[in-house]
Amino acid sequence: MSFLHELNKKRTLLNHTCTRVTTIQGNTIIEEVVQGKQTSHEVPEKNQMCPGFVVDTKPDLQVAEILPSMLYLGSQDVTQDIELLKKYQITHILSIGVSVAPLPEMSQLCYTFVPALDLPDEKIDFALATALPLIEETISKGGSVFVHCNAGVSRSPMVVIAFLMVHRGFTYSKANALVKEKRPAAKPNAGFVRQLLELECKSQASSSNK
């Protein structure tokens, strides 16, 4: 008796499963597996239990003012809005992991791209070694920095939190609370949080040895 025959025989013993799938268009499809055989059918519109997904295509133009007139945080959408950049008098755009097209109308803007993946095992040392001195130098010269990644949720908040810790003496808890207050969507991934806490421990150890 072949392995394939045995496999098909076992499939007939599987329990009956039923899965409801809602497409992005809002259509509901029922997928069923009975005795190893899969069937699917679409639920008539009048019987649908779910309205489907709503795709939000509006740009995220929230500008989180972390340090007034000095340090700002948000999504990449802000980098393409001339009025917002003028309103907050942004002089430098710091792109974390996502590069953006310079605006011809804003030729005075400086741009810096720092590679970084939004993954828990991504090491943040290189990004911080480049980003933090740049932010401090820009601020010390009277400029203002807008830090962004893709959605302004994980990578750029991580950099801003680290800056507050290293250059403003904040604890991780205080820095995270401030960033969260100014931009509620901010949520660095678990790997970034772990490394930021390690950074805090190293800073405390270094201070105690002085």
N, C-alpha and C. Protein backbone atom coordinates (compact mmCIF):
# COMPACT_ATOMS: atom_id res chain seq x y z
N MET A 1 0.86 -1.19 0.00
CA MET A 1 0.00 0.00 0.00
C MET A 1 0.90 1.24 0.00
N SER A 2 0.66 2.17 -0.94
CA SER A 2 1.54 3.32 -1.10
C SER A 2 1.31 4.36 0.00
N PHE A 3 2.33 5.20 0.18
CA PHE A 3 2.23 6.28 1.17
C PHE A 3 1.10 7.24 0.79
N LEU A 4 0.98 7.54 -0.52
CA LEU A 4 -0.07 8.45 -0.99
C LEU A 4 -1.46 7.91 -0.67
N HIS A 5 -1.62 6.60 -0.83
CA HIS A 5 -2.91 5.97 -0.52
C HIS A 5 -3.24 6.13 0.97
N GLU A 6 -2.22 5.89 1.80
CA GLU A 6 -2.42 6.02 3.24
C GLU A 6 -2.75 7.45 3.63
N LEU A 7 -2.08 8.41 2.96
CA LEU A 7 -2.32 9.82 3.26
C LEU A 7 -3.75 10.22 2.92
N ASN A 8 -4.20 9.80 1.74
CA ASN A 8 -5.58 10.11 1.33
C ASN A 8 -6.59 9.46 2.26
N LYS A 9 -6.27 8.25 2.75
CA LYS A 9 -7.16 7.56 3.68
C LYS A 9 -7.28 8.33 4.98
N LYS A 10 -6.13 8.85 5.46
CA LYS A 10 -6.13 9.63 6.70
C LYS A 10 -6.92 10.93 6.54
N ARG A 11 -6.85 11.52 5.36
CA ARG A 11 -7.56 12.78 5.14
C ARG A 11 -9.06 12.63 5.32
N THR A 12 -9.58 11.45 4.99
CA THR A 12 -11.03 11.23 5.12
C THR A 12 -11.46 11.20 6.57
N LEU A 13 -10.50 11.03 7.49
CA LEU A 13 -10.82 10.97 8.91
C LEU A 13 -10.77 12.34 9.59
N LEU A 14 -10.34 13.36 8.83
CA LEU A 14 -10.25 14.69 9.41
C LEU A 14 -11.63 15.23 9.75
N ASN A 15 -11.68 16.04 10.82
CA ASN A 15 -12.94 16.63 11.23
C ASN A 15 -13.42 17.64 10.19
N HIS A 16 -14.71 17.84 10.17
CA HIS A 16 -15.31 18.82 9.28
C HIS A 16 -14.89 20.22 9.73
N THR A 17 -14.34 20.99 8.80
CA THR A 17 -13.96 22.36 9.12
C THR A 17 -14.70 23.34 8.21
N CYS A 18 -14.96 24.50 8.75
CA CYS A 18 -15.68 25.53 8.00
C CYS A 18 -15.03 26.88 8.29
N THR A 19 -14.61 27.58 7.24
CA THR A 19 -13.94 28.86 7.40
C THR A 19 -14.68 29.93 6.62
N ARG A 20 -14.94 31.06 7.28
CA ARG A 20 -15.57 32.20 6.61
C ARG A 20 -14.49 33.18 6.19
N VAL A 21 -14.42 33.50 4.92
CA VAL A 21 -13.42 34.40 4.37
C VAL A 21 -14.13 35.62 3.81
N THR A 22 -13.69 36.81 4.25
CA THR A 22 -14.26 38.05 3.72
C THR A 22 -13.22 38.72 2.85
N THR A 23 -13.53 38.93 1.59
CA THR A 23 -12.59 39.55 0.67
C THR A 23 -12.57 41.05 0.91
N ILE A 24 -11.57 41.70 0.32
CA ILE A 24 -11.44 43.15 0.48
C ILE A 24 -12.61 43.90 -0.16
N GLN A 25 -13.29 43.23 -1.13
CA GLN A 25 -14.46 43.84 -1.74
C GLN A 25 -15.71 43.68 -0.88
N GLY A 26 -15.61 42.92 0.21
CA GLY A 26 -16.75 42.75 1.10
C GLY A 26 -17.53 41.48 0.83
N ASN A 27 -17.10 40.66 -0.13
CA ASN A 27 -17.80 39.41 -0.41
C ASN A 27 -17.41 38.36 0.62
N THR A 28 -18.37 37.54 1.02
CA THR A 28 -18.11 36.49 1.99
C THR A 28 -18.12 35.13 1.31
N ILE A 29 -17.05 34.37 1.53
CA ILE A 29 -16.91 33.04 0.94
C ILE A 29 -16.78 32.03 2.08
N ILE A 30 -17.55 30.95 1.99
CA ILE A 30 -17.48 29.87 2.97
C ILE A 30 -16.66 28.74 2.38
N GLU A 31 -15.56 28.38 3.07
CA GLU A 31 -14.72 27.27 2.64
C GLU A 31 -14.91 26.12 3.62
N GLU A 32 -15.25 24.93 3.10
CA GLU A 32 -15.49 23.77 3.95
C GLU A 32 -14.62 22.60 3.52
N VAL A 33 -14.17 21.83 4.49
CA VAL A 33 -13.43 20.60 4.23
C VAL A 33 -14.19 19.46 4.90
N VAL A 34 -14.71 18.56 4.08
CA VAL A 34 -15.47 17.41 4.58
C VAL A 34 -14.84 16.15 4.03
N GLN A 35 -14.36 15.27 4.92
CA GLN A 35 -13.71 14.02 4.54
C GLN A 35 -12.61 14.24 3.51
N GLY A 36 -11.80 15.26 3.78
CA GLY A 36 -10.64 15.51 2.93
C GLY A 36 -10.93 16.27 1.66
N LYS A 37 -12.20 16.57 1.37
CA LYS A 37 -12.54 17.30 0.15
C LYS A 37 -12.92 18.73 0.49
N GLN A 38 -12.31 19.69 -0.23
CA GLN A 38 -12.56 21.11 0.04
C GLN A 38 -13.55 21.67 -0.97
N THR A 39 -14.52 22.39 -0.48
CA THR A 39 -15.49 23.07 -1.33
C THR A 39 -15.60 24.52 -0.88
N SER A 40 -16.04 25.40 -1.73
CA SER A 40 -16.23 26.79 -1.36
C SER A 40 -17.43 27.35 -2.10
N HIS A 41 -18.14 28.26 -1.46
CA HIS A 41 -19.26 28.93 -2.10
C HIS A 41 -19.43 30.32 -1.51
N GLU A 42 -19.93 31.22 -2.32
CA GLU A 42 -20.10 32.60 -1.87
C GLU A 42 -21.46 32.77 -1.21
N VAL A 43 -21.48 33.49 -0.10
CA VAL A 43 -22.73 33.74 0.62
C VAL A 43 -23.48 34.85 -0.09
N PRO A 44 -24.77 34.67 -0.35
CA PRO A 44 -25.56 35.74 -0.97
C PRO A 44 -25.46 37.02 -0.16
N GLU A 45 -25.50 38.15 -0.85
CA GLU A 45 -25.29 39.44 -0.21
C GLU A 45 -26.24 39.69 0.96
N LYS A 46 -27.51 39.27 0.83
CA LYS A 46 -28.48 39.54 1.89
C LYS A 46 -28.19 38.77 3.17
N ASN A 47 -27.37 37.70 3.06
CA ASN A 47 -27.06 36.89 4.23
C ASN A 47 -25.70 37.19 4.84
N GLN A 48 -25.00 38.14 4.26
CA GLN A 48 -23.66 38.42 4.74
C GLN A 48 -23.70 38.97 6.16
N MET A 49 -22.76 38.47 6.97
CA MET A 49 -22.70 38.87 8.38
C MET A 49 -21.67 39.98 8.59
N CYS A 50 -20.80 40.20 7.61
CA CYS A 50 -19.71 41.17 7.78
C CYS A 50 -19.67 42.12 6.60
N PRO A 51 -19.49 43.41 6.83
CA PRO A 51 -19.47 44.38 5.73
C PRO A 51 -18.18 44.38 4.95
N GLY A 52 -17.17 43.61 5.39
CA GLY A 52 -15.89 43.59 4.68
C GLY A 52 -14.93 44.60 5.25
N PHE A 53 -13.79 44.74 4.59
CA PHE A 53 -12.75 45.63 5.06
C PHE A 53 -12.89 47.00 4.42
N VAL A 54 -12.48 48.02 5.15
CA VAL A 54 -12.44 49.37 4.61
C VAL A 54 -10.98 49.77 4.47
N VAL A 55 -10.57 50.10 3.28
CA VAL A 55 -9.19 50.48 3.03
C VAL A 55 -9.04 51.97 3.24
N ASP A 56 -8.17 52.36 4.17
CA ASP A 56 -7.95 53.76 4.47
C ASP A 56 -6.80 54.26 3.61
N THR A 57 -7.12 55.09 2.64
CA THR A 57 -6.09 55.60 1.72
C THR A 57 -5.69 57.03 2.05
N LYS A 58 -6.23 57.60 3.12
CA LYS A 58 -5.91 58.97 3.49
C LYS A 58 -4.49 59.01 4.05
N PRO A 59 -3.72 60.05 3.70
CA PRO A 59 -2.36 60.15 4.23
C PRO A 59 -2.37 60.45 5.72
N ASP A 60 -1.35 60.02 6.42
CA ASP A 60 -1.19 60.28 7.84
C ASP A 60 -0.34 61.54 7.99
N LEU A 61 -0.98 62.65 8.27
CA LEU A 61 -0.30 63.93 8.32
C LEU A 61 -0.15 64.46 9.74
N GLN A 62 -0.25 63.58 10.72
CA GLN A 62 -0.03 64.00 12.09
C GLN A 62 1.45 64.28 12.32
N VAL A 63 1.76 65.44 12.86
CA VAL A 63 3.13 65.79 13.21
C VAL A 63 3.21 65.84 14.73
N ALA A 64 3.97 64.92 15.30
CA ALA A 64 4.12 64.86 16.76
C ALA A 64 5.30 65.74 17.17
N GLU A 65 5.02 66.77 17.96
CA GLU A 65 6.05 67.70 18.40
C GLU A 65 6.67 67.17 19.69
N ILE A 66 7.79 66.48 19.57
CA ILE A 66 8.44 65.85 20.72
C ILE A 66 9.16 66.89 21.57
N LEU A 67 10.00 67.69 20.93
CA LEU A 67 10.67 68.82 21.58
C LEU A 67 10.30 70.05 20.76
N PRO A 68 9.55 70.98 21.32
CA PRO A 68 9.05 72.14 20.57
C PRO A 68 10.14 72.86 19.78
N SER A 69 9.84 73.04 18.49
CA SER A 69 10.72 73.76 17.56
C SER A 69 12.04 73.05 17.29
N MET A 70 12.15 71.78 17.76
CA MET A 70 13.42 71.08 17.58
C MET A 70 13.26 69.68 16.99
N LEU A 71 12.38 68.88 17.56
CA LEU A 71 12.30 67.46 17.18
C LEU A 71 10.86 67.04 16.96
N TYR A 72 10.62 66.46 15.78
CA TYR A 72 9.27 66.05 15.39
C TYR A 72 9.29 64.61 14.90
N LEU A 73 8.12 63.98 14.94
CA LEU A 73 8.00 62.57 14.59
C LEU A 73 6.71 62.34 13.81
N GLY A 74 6.76 61.42 12.84
CA GLY A 74 5.54 61.10 12.10
C GLY A 74 5.80 60.08 11.00
N SER A 75 4.85 59.99 10.09
CA SER A 75 4.96 59.05 8.97
C SER A 75 5.63 59.72 7.77
N GLN A 76 5.95 58.93 6.76
CA GLN A 76 6.60 59.48 5.58
C GLN A 76 5.69 60.41 4.79
N ASP A 77 4.36 60.34 5.02
CA ASP A 77 3.43 61.21 4.29
C ASP A 77 3.73 62.68 4.54
N VAL A 78 4.17 63.00 5.73
CA VAL A 78 4.45 64.40 6.08
C VAL A 78 5.55 64.98 5.21
N THR A 79 6.50 64.14 4.80
CA THR A 79 7.65 64.64 4.03
C THR A 79 7.26 65.16 2.66
N GLN A 80 6.04 64.86 2.23
CA GLN A 80 5.58 65.31 0.92
C GLN A 80 4.56 66.45 1.03
N ASP A 81 4.38 66.97 2.24
CA ASP A 81 3.41 68.05 2.46
C ASP A 81 4.17 69.35 2.74
N ILE A 82 4.25 70.19 1.74
CA ILE A 82 5.04 71.42 1.82
C ILE A 82 4.54 72.34 2.93
N GLU A 83 3.22 72.47 3.04
CA GLU A 83 2.66 73.39 4.04
C GLU A 83 3.03 72.98 5.46
N LEU A 84 2.98 71.68 5.73
CA LEU A 84 3.33 71.21 7.07
C LEU A 84 4.81 71.44 7.37
N LEU A 85 5.65 71.17 6.41
CA LEU A 85 7.08 71.36 6.61
C LEU A 85 7.41 72.83 6.87
N LYS A 86 6.69 73.71 6.19
CA LYS A 86 6.89 75.15 6.42
C LYS A 86 6.33 75.58 7.77
N LYS A 87 5.17 75.03 8.11
CA LYS A 87 4.51 75.39 9.37
C LYS A 87 5.41 75.09 10.57
N TYR A 88 6.04 73.91 10.55
CA TYR A 88 6.88 73.52 11.68
C TYR A 88 8.35 73.89 11.47
N GLN A 89 8.63 74.59 10.38
CA GLN A 89 9.98 75.08 10.09
C GLN A 89 11.03 73.96 10.15
N ILE A 90 10.69 72.86 9.48
CA ILE A 90 11.59 71.71 9.43
C ILE A 90 12.80 72.04 8.56
N THR A 91 13.98 71.76 9.07
CA THR A 91 15.20 72.01 8.30
C THR A 91 15.88 70.71 7.86
N HIS A 92 15.57 69.60 8.56
CA HIS A 92 16.23 68.34 8.25
C HIS A 92 15.23 67.19 8.34
N ILE A 93 15.20 66.36 7.33
CA ILE A 93 14.36 65.17 7.33
C ILE A 93 15.24 63.94 7.51
N LEU A 94 14.97 63.20 8.59
CA LEU A 94 15.74 62.00 8.90
C LEU A 94 14.87 60.78 8.62
N SER A 95 15.23 60.04 7.59
CA SER A 95 14.45 58.89 7.13
C SER A 95 15.05 57.60 7.69
N ILE A 96 14.26 56.87 8.48
CA ILE A 96 14.73 55.63 9.08
C ILE A 96 14.15 54.44 8.33
N GLY A 97 14.97 53.85 7.47
CA GLY A 97 14.56 52.65 6.74
C GLY A 97 13.73 52.88 5.50
N VAL A 98 13.27 54.11 5.29
CA VAL A 98 12.42 54.41 4.13
C VAL A 98 12.89 55.73 3.53
N SER A 99 13.39 55.69 2.31
CA SER A 99 13.86 56.92 1.67
C SER A 99 12.68 57.63 1.00
N VAL A 100 12.75 58.94 0.95
CA VAL A 100 11.69 59.73 0.34
C VAL A 100 12.27 60.64 -0.72
N ALA A 101 11.42 61.05 -1.65
CA ALA A 101 11.85 61.92 -2.73
C ALA A 101 11.95 63.36 -2.23
N PRO A 102 13.07 64.03 -2.46
CA PRO A 102 13.20 65.44 -2.06
C PRO A 102 12.19 66.30 -2.82
N LEU A 103 11.72 67.34 -2.17
CA LEU A 103 10.77 68.26 -2.79
C LEU A 103 11.53 69.39 -3.48
N PRO A 104 11.36 69.54 -4.79
CA PRO A 104 12.06 70.62 -5.50
C PRO A 104 11.75 71.99 -4.92
N GLU A 105 10.52 72.15 -4.41
CA GLU A 105 10.10 73.44 -3.87
C GLU A 105 10.76 73.75 -2.53
N MET A 106 11.37 72.73 -1.90
CA MET A 106 12.00 72.90 -0.58
C MET A 106 13.48 72.57 -0.69
N SER A 107 14.18 73.26 -1.54
CA SER A 107 15.59 72.95 -1.81
C SER A 107 16.48 73.18 -0.60
N GLN A 108 16.00 73.95 0.38
CA GLN A 108 16.81 74.22 1.56
C GLN A 108 16.80 73.06 2.56
N LEU A 109 15.92 72.11 2.36
CA LEU A 109 15.82 70.97 3.27
C LEU A 109 17.02 70.04 3.12
N CYS A 110 17.50 69.52 4.25
CA CYS A 110 18.54 68.51 4.24
C CYS A 110 17.89 67.15 4.47
N TYR A 111 18.40 66.12 3.80
CA TYR A 111 17.85 64.78 3.92
C TYR A 111 18.95 63.80 4.33
N THR A 112 18.60 62.92 5.26
CA THR A 112 19.52 61.84 5.64
C THR A 112 18.75 60.53 5.71
N PHE A 113 19.28 59.52 5.06
CA PHE A 113 18.65 58.20 5.09
C PHE A 113 19.50 57.25 5.91
N VAL A 114 18.86 56.58 6.86
CA VAL A 114 19.54 55.59 7.70
C VAL A 114 18.85 54.24 7.50
N PRO A 115 19.55 53.24 6.97
CA PRO A 115 18.92 51.93 6.75
C PRO A 115 18.56 51.25 8.06
N ALA A 116 17.37 50.67 8.11
CA ALA A 116 16.91 49.92 9.29
C ALA A 116 15.66 49.16 8.93
N LEU A 117 15.60 47.89 9.30
CA LEU A 117 14.43 47.06 9.07
C LEU A 117 13.59 47.02 10.34
N ASP A 118 12.28 46.95 10.15
CA ASP A 118 11.39 46.87 11.31
C ASP A 118 11.20 45.40 11.70
N LEU A 119 12.27 44.82 12.23
CA LEU A 119 12.26 43.43 12.65
C LEU A 119 12.78 43.32 14.08
N PRO A 120 12.23 42.44 14.88
CA PRO A 120 12.67 42.32 16.27
C PRO A 120 14.15 42.00 16.44
N ASP A 121 14.74 41.30 15.46
CA ASP A 121 16.16 40.95 15.59
C ASP A 121 17.08 41.94 14.89
N GLU A 122 16.54 43.05 14.41
CA GLU A 122 17.36 44.08 13.78
C GLU A 122 18.17 44.82 14.85
N LYS A 123 19.47 44.89 14.65
CA LYS A 123 20.32 45.60 15.59
C LYS A 123 20.18 47.10 15.38
N ILE A 124 20.01 47.85 16.45
CA ILE A 124 19.75 49.29 16.33
C ILE A 124 21.02 50.13 16.47
N ASP A 125 22.14 49.50 16.80
CA ASP A 125 23.37 50.24 17.07
C ASP A 125 23.78 51.16 15.91
N PHE A 126 23.78 50.61 14.69
CA PHE A 126 24.23 51.40 13.55
C PHE A 126 23.31 52.59 13.31
N ALA A 127 22.02 52.35 13.35
CA ALA A 127 21.05 53.42 13.12
C ALA A 127 21.21 54.53 14.15
N LEU A 128 21.40 54.15 15.41
CA LEU A 128 21.53 55.15 16.47
C LEU A 128 22.85 55.91 16.36
N ALA A 129 23.91 55.20 15.97
CA ALA A 129 25.22 55.83 15.84
C ALA A 129 25.21 56.92 14.78
N THR A 130 24.35 56.78 13.78
CA THR A 130 24.24 57.78 12.72
C THR A 130 23.19 58.83 13.06
N ALA A 131 22.04 58.39 13.54
CA ALA A 131 20.89 59.29 13.73
C ALA A 131 21.03 60.22 14.92
N LEU A 132 21.48 59.70 16.06
CA LEU A 132 21.49 60.53 17.27
C LEU A 132 22.43 61.74 17.20
N PRO A 133 23.68 61.57 16.75
CA PRO A 133 24.54 62.74 16.62
C PRO A 133 24.00 63.75 15.61
N LEU A 134 23.36 63.25 14.55
CA LEU A 134 22.81 64.15 13.54
C LEU A 134 21.70 65.01 14.13
N ILE A 135 20.81 64.38 14.91
CA ILE A 135 19.72 65.13 15.54
C ILE A 135 20.29 66.19 16.48
N GLU A 136 21.24 65.79 17.32
CA GLU A 136 21.82 66.72 18.29
C GLU A 136 22.54 67.87 17.60
N GLU A 137 23.29 67.58 16.55
CA GLU A 137 24.02 68.63 15.83
C GLU A 137 23.05 69.60 15.17
N THR A 138 21.99 69.08 14.54
CA THR A 138 21.01 69.94 13.88
C THR A 138 20.33 70.86 14.88
N ILE A 139 19.94 70.31 16.03
CA ILE A 139 19.28 71.11 17.06
C ILE A 139 20.23 72.17 17.62
N SER A 140 21.49 71.78 17.84
CA SER A 140 22.46 72.72 18.42
C SER A 140 22.74 73.89 17.50
N LYS A 141 22.50 73.71 16.21
CA LYS A 141 22.70 74.78 15.23
C LYS A 141 21.42 75.57 14.97
N GLY A 142 20.39 75.28 15.76
CA GLY A 142 19.14 76.03 15.63
C GLY A 142 18.17 75.45 14.62
N GLY A 143 18.44 74.25 14.14
CA GLY A 143 17.55 73.61 13.17
C GLY A 143 16.51 72.74 13.85
N SER A 144 15.66 72.13 13.04
CA SER A 144 14.64 71.22 13.57
C SER A 144 14.59 69.98 12.68
N VAL A 145 14.39 68.83 13.31
CA VAL A 145 14.45 67.55 12.61
C VAL A 145 13.09 66.87 12.63
N PHE A 146 12.67 66.39 11.47
CA PHE A 146 11.48 65.53 11.39
C PHE A 146 11.96 64.12 11.15
N VAL A 147 11.69 63.23 12.11
CA VAL A 147 12.11 61.84 12.01
C VAL A 147 10.93 60.98 11.59
N HIS A 148 11.13 60.16 10.58
CA HIS A 148 10.03 59.31 10.09
C HIS A 148 10.56 57.96 9.65
N CYS A 149 9.66 57.01 9.54
CA CYS A 149 9.95 55.73 8.88
C CYS A 149 8.85 55.55 7.86
N ASN A 150 8.20 54.42 7.83
CA ASN A 150 7.09 54.24 6.90
C ASN A 150 5.82 54.82 7.51
N ALA A 151 5.39 54.25 8.62
CA ALA A 151 4.14 54.68 9.25
C ALA A 151 4.36 55.49 10.52
N GLY A 152 5.61 55.67 10.94
CA GLY A 152 5.87 56.41 12.17
C GLY A 152 5.42 55.65 13.40
N VAL A 153 5.53 54.33 13.34
CA VAL A 153 5.03 53.49 14.44
C VAL A 153 6.16 52.82 15.21
N SER A 154 7.14 52.26 14.52
CA SER A 154 8.15 51.46 15.19
C SER A 154 9.56 52.03 15.09
N ARG A 155 10.10 52.13 13.88
CA ARG A 155 11.50 52.52 13.73
C ARG A 155 11.79 53.96 14.15
N SER A 156 11.02 54.91 13.64
CA SER A 156 11.29 56.31 13.99
C SER A 156 11.01 56.60 15.47
N PRO A 157 9.94 56.06 16.08
CA PRO A 157 9.79 56.25 17.53
C PRO A 157 10.96 55.67 18.32
N MET A 158 11.49 54.54 17.85
CA MET A 158 12.64 53.94 18.52
C MET A 158 13.81 54.91 18.54
N VAL A 159 14.08 55.57 17.41
CA VAL A 159 15.18 56.52 17.32
C VAL A 159 14.93 57.72 18.23
N VAL A 160 13.71 58.23 18.23
CA VAL A 160 13.38 59.40 19.05
C VAL A 160 13.48 59.06 20.53
N ILE A 161 13.00 57.90 20.93
CA ILE A 161 13.11 57.47 22.33
C ILE A 161 14.59 57.38 22.73
N ALA A 162 15.40 56.78 21.86
CA ALA A 162 16.83 56.65 22.15
C ALA A 162 17.49 58.02 22.27
N PHE A 163 17.09 58.96 21.43
CA PHE A 163 17.66 60.31 21.51
C PHE A 163 17.34 60.95 22.86
N LEU A 164 16.10 60.84 23.30
CA LEU A 164 15.71 61.41 24.59
C LEU A 164 16.49 60.77 25.73
N MET A 165 16.77 59.48 25.61
CA MET A 165 17.51 58.77 26.64
C MET A 165 18.98 59.20 26.67
N VAL A 166 19.60 59.23 25.50
CA VAL A 166 21.04 59.47 25.41
C VAL A 166 21.39 60.94 25.54
N HIS A 167 20.61 61.82 24.91
CA HIS A 167 20.97 63.23 24.87
C HIS A 167 20.14 64.13 25.77
N ARG A 168 19.11 63.60 26.38
CA ARG A 168 18.29 64.42 27.28
C ARG A 168 18.14 63.78 28.66
N GLY A 169 18.79 62.65 28.88
CA GLY A 169 18.80 62.03 30.19
C GLY A 169 17.50 61.40 30.63
N PHE A 170 16.60 61.11 29.70
CA PHE A 170 15.33 60.47 30.04
C PHE A 170 15.55 58.99 30.36
N THR A 171 14.75 58.44 31.24
CA THR A 171 14.68 56.99 31.37
C THR A 171 13.89 56.46 30.18
N TYR A 172 13.99 55.15 29.94
CA TYR A 172 13.20 54.57 28.86
C TYR A 172 11.72 54.81 29.11
N SER A 173 11.28 54.60 30.33
CA SER A 173 9.86 54.74 30.66
C SER A 173 9.36 56.16 30.38
N LYS A 174 10.15 57.15 30.80
CA LYS A 174 9.74 58.54 30.60
C LYS A 174 9.75 58.92 29.12
N ALA A 175 10.79 58.48 28.41
CA ALA A 175 10.89 58.79 26.98
C ALA A 175 9.76 58.15 26.20
N ASN A 176 9.48 56.89 26.49
CA ASN A 176 8.41 56.17 25.81
C ASN A 176 7.06 56.82 26.09
N ALA A 177 6.84 57.25 27.34
CA ALA A 177 5.57 57.88 27.71
C ALA A 177 5.38 59.19 26.97
N LEU A 178 6.44 59.97 26.83
CA LEU A 178 6.34 61.25 26.12
C LEU A 178 6.02 61.02 24.65
N VAL A 179 6.74 60.10 24.02
CA VAL A 179 6.52 59.81 22.61
C VAL A 179 5.11 59.28 22.39
N LYS A 180 4.66 58.41 23.28
CA LYS A 180 3.30 57.84 23.19
C LYS A 180 2.24 58.92 23.37
N GLU A 181 2.51 59.87 24.25
CA GLU A 181 1.56 60.97 24.47
C GLU A 181 1.44 61.83 23.21
N LYS A 182 2.57 62.12 22.60
CA LYS A 182 2.58 62.98 21.42
C LYS A 182 2.12 62.26 20.16
N ARG A 183 2.41 60.96 20.09
CA ARG A 183 1.99 60.16 18.93
C ARG A 183 1.47 58.82 19.43
N PRO A 184 0.18 58.72 19.69
CA PRO A 184 -0.41 57.49 20.26
C PRO A 184 -0.14 56.23 19.46
N ALA A 185 0.07 56.37 18.15
CA ALA A 185 0.30 55.19 17.30
C ALA A 185 1.69 54.59 17.50
N ALA A 186 2.58 55.32 18.16
CA ALA A 186 3.96 54.85 18.32
C ALA A 186 4.02 53.56 19.13
N LYS A 187 4.73 52.58 18.59
CA LYS A 187 4.89 51.29 19.27
C LYS A 187 6.08 50.54 18.67
N PRO A 188 7.29 50.83 19.15
CA PRO A 188 8.46 50.08 18.66
C PRO A 188 8.28 48.59 18.88
N ASN A 189 8.81 47.79 17.96
CA ASN A 189 8.64 46.34 18.09
C ASN A 189 9.40 45.82 19.32
N ALA A 190 9.08 44.60 19.72
CA ALA A 190 9.60 44.03 20.97
C ALA A 190 11.12 43.99 21.01
N GLY A 191 11.74 43.72 19.86
CA GLY A 191 13.20 43.67 19.80
C GLY A 191 13.81 45.03 20.03
N PHE A 192 13.19 46.07 19.49
CA PHE A 192 13.68 47.43 19.71
C PHE A 192 13.55 47.81 21.18
N VAL A 193 12.43 47.47 21.79
CA VAL A 193 12.21 47.79 23.20
C VAL A 193 13.28 47.12 24.06
N ARG A 194 13.55 45.86 23.77
CA ARG A 194 14.58 45.13 24.54
C ARG A 194 15.92 45.83 24.44
N GLN A 195 16.29 46.25 23.23
CA GLN A 195 17.59 46.90 23.04
C GLN A 195 17.63 48.29 23.68
N LEU A 196 16.50 48.98 23.70
CA LEU A 196 16.45 50.28 24.36
C LEU A 196 16.62 50.13 25.87
N LEU A 197 16.03 49.08 26.41
CA LEU A 197 16.20 48.81 27.85
C LEU A 197 17.64 48.43 28.16
N GLU A 198 18.28 47.71 27.25
CA GLU A 198 19.69 47.37 27.43
C GLU A 198 20.54 48.64 27.37
N LEU A 199 20.16 49.54 26.47
CA LEU A 199 20.87 50.82 26.37
C LEU A 199 20.75 51.60 27.67
N GLU A 200 19.57 51.57 28.27
CA GLU A 200 19.36 52.25 29.54
C GLU A 200 20.26 51.66 30.63
N CYS A 201 20.35 50.35 30.67
CA CYS A 201 21.20 49.68 31.67
C CYS A 201 22.66 50.05 31.48
N LYS A 202 23.12 50.11 30.24
CA LYS A 202 24.50 50.46 29.96
C LYS A 202 24.78 51.91 30.37
N SER A 203 23.81 52.79 30.11
CA SER A 203 23.98 54.20 30.46
C SER A 203 24.06 54.37 31.96
N GLN A 204 23.21 53.64 32.69
CA GLN A 204 23.22 53.71 34.14
C GLN A 204 24.52 53.18 34.72
N ALA A 205 25.02 52.08 34.14
CA ALA A 205 26.27 51.49 34.60
C ALA A 205 27.44 52.44 34.35
N SER A 206 27.39 53.10 33.19
CA SER A 206 28.46 54.03 32.83
C SER A 206 28.46 55.23 33.77
N SER A 207 27.26 55.69 34.12
CA SER A 207 27.16 56.86 35.02
C SER A 207 27.65 56.54 36.42
N SER A 208 27.36 55.33 36.89
CA SER A 208 27.74 54.92 38.24
C SER A 208 29.24 54.72 38.37
N ASN A 209 29.93 54.48 37.24
CA ASN A 209 31.37 54.25 37.27
C ASN A 209 32.18 55.54 37.19
N LYS A 210 31.48 56.64 36.97
CA LYS A 210 32.20 57.91 36.84
C LYS A 210 32.51 58.51 38.21
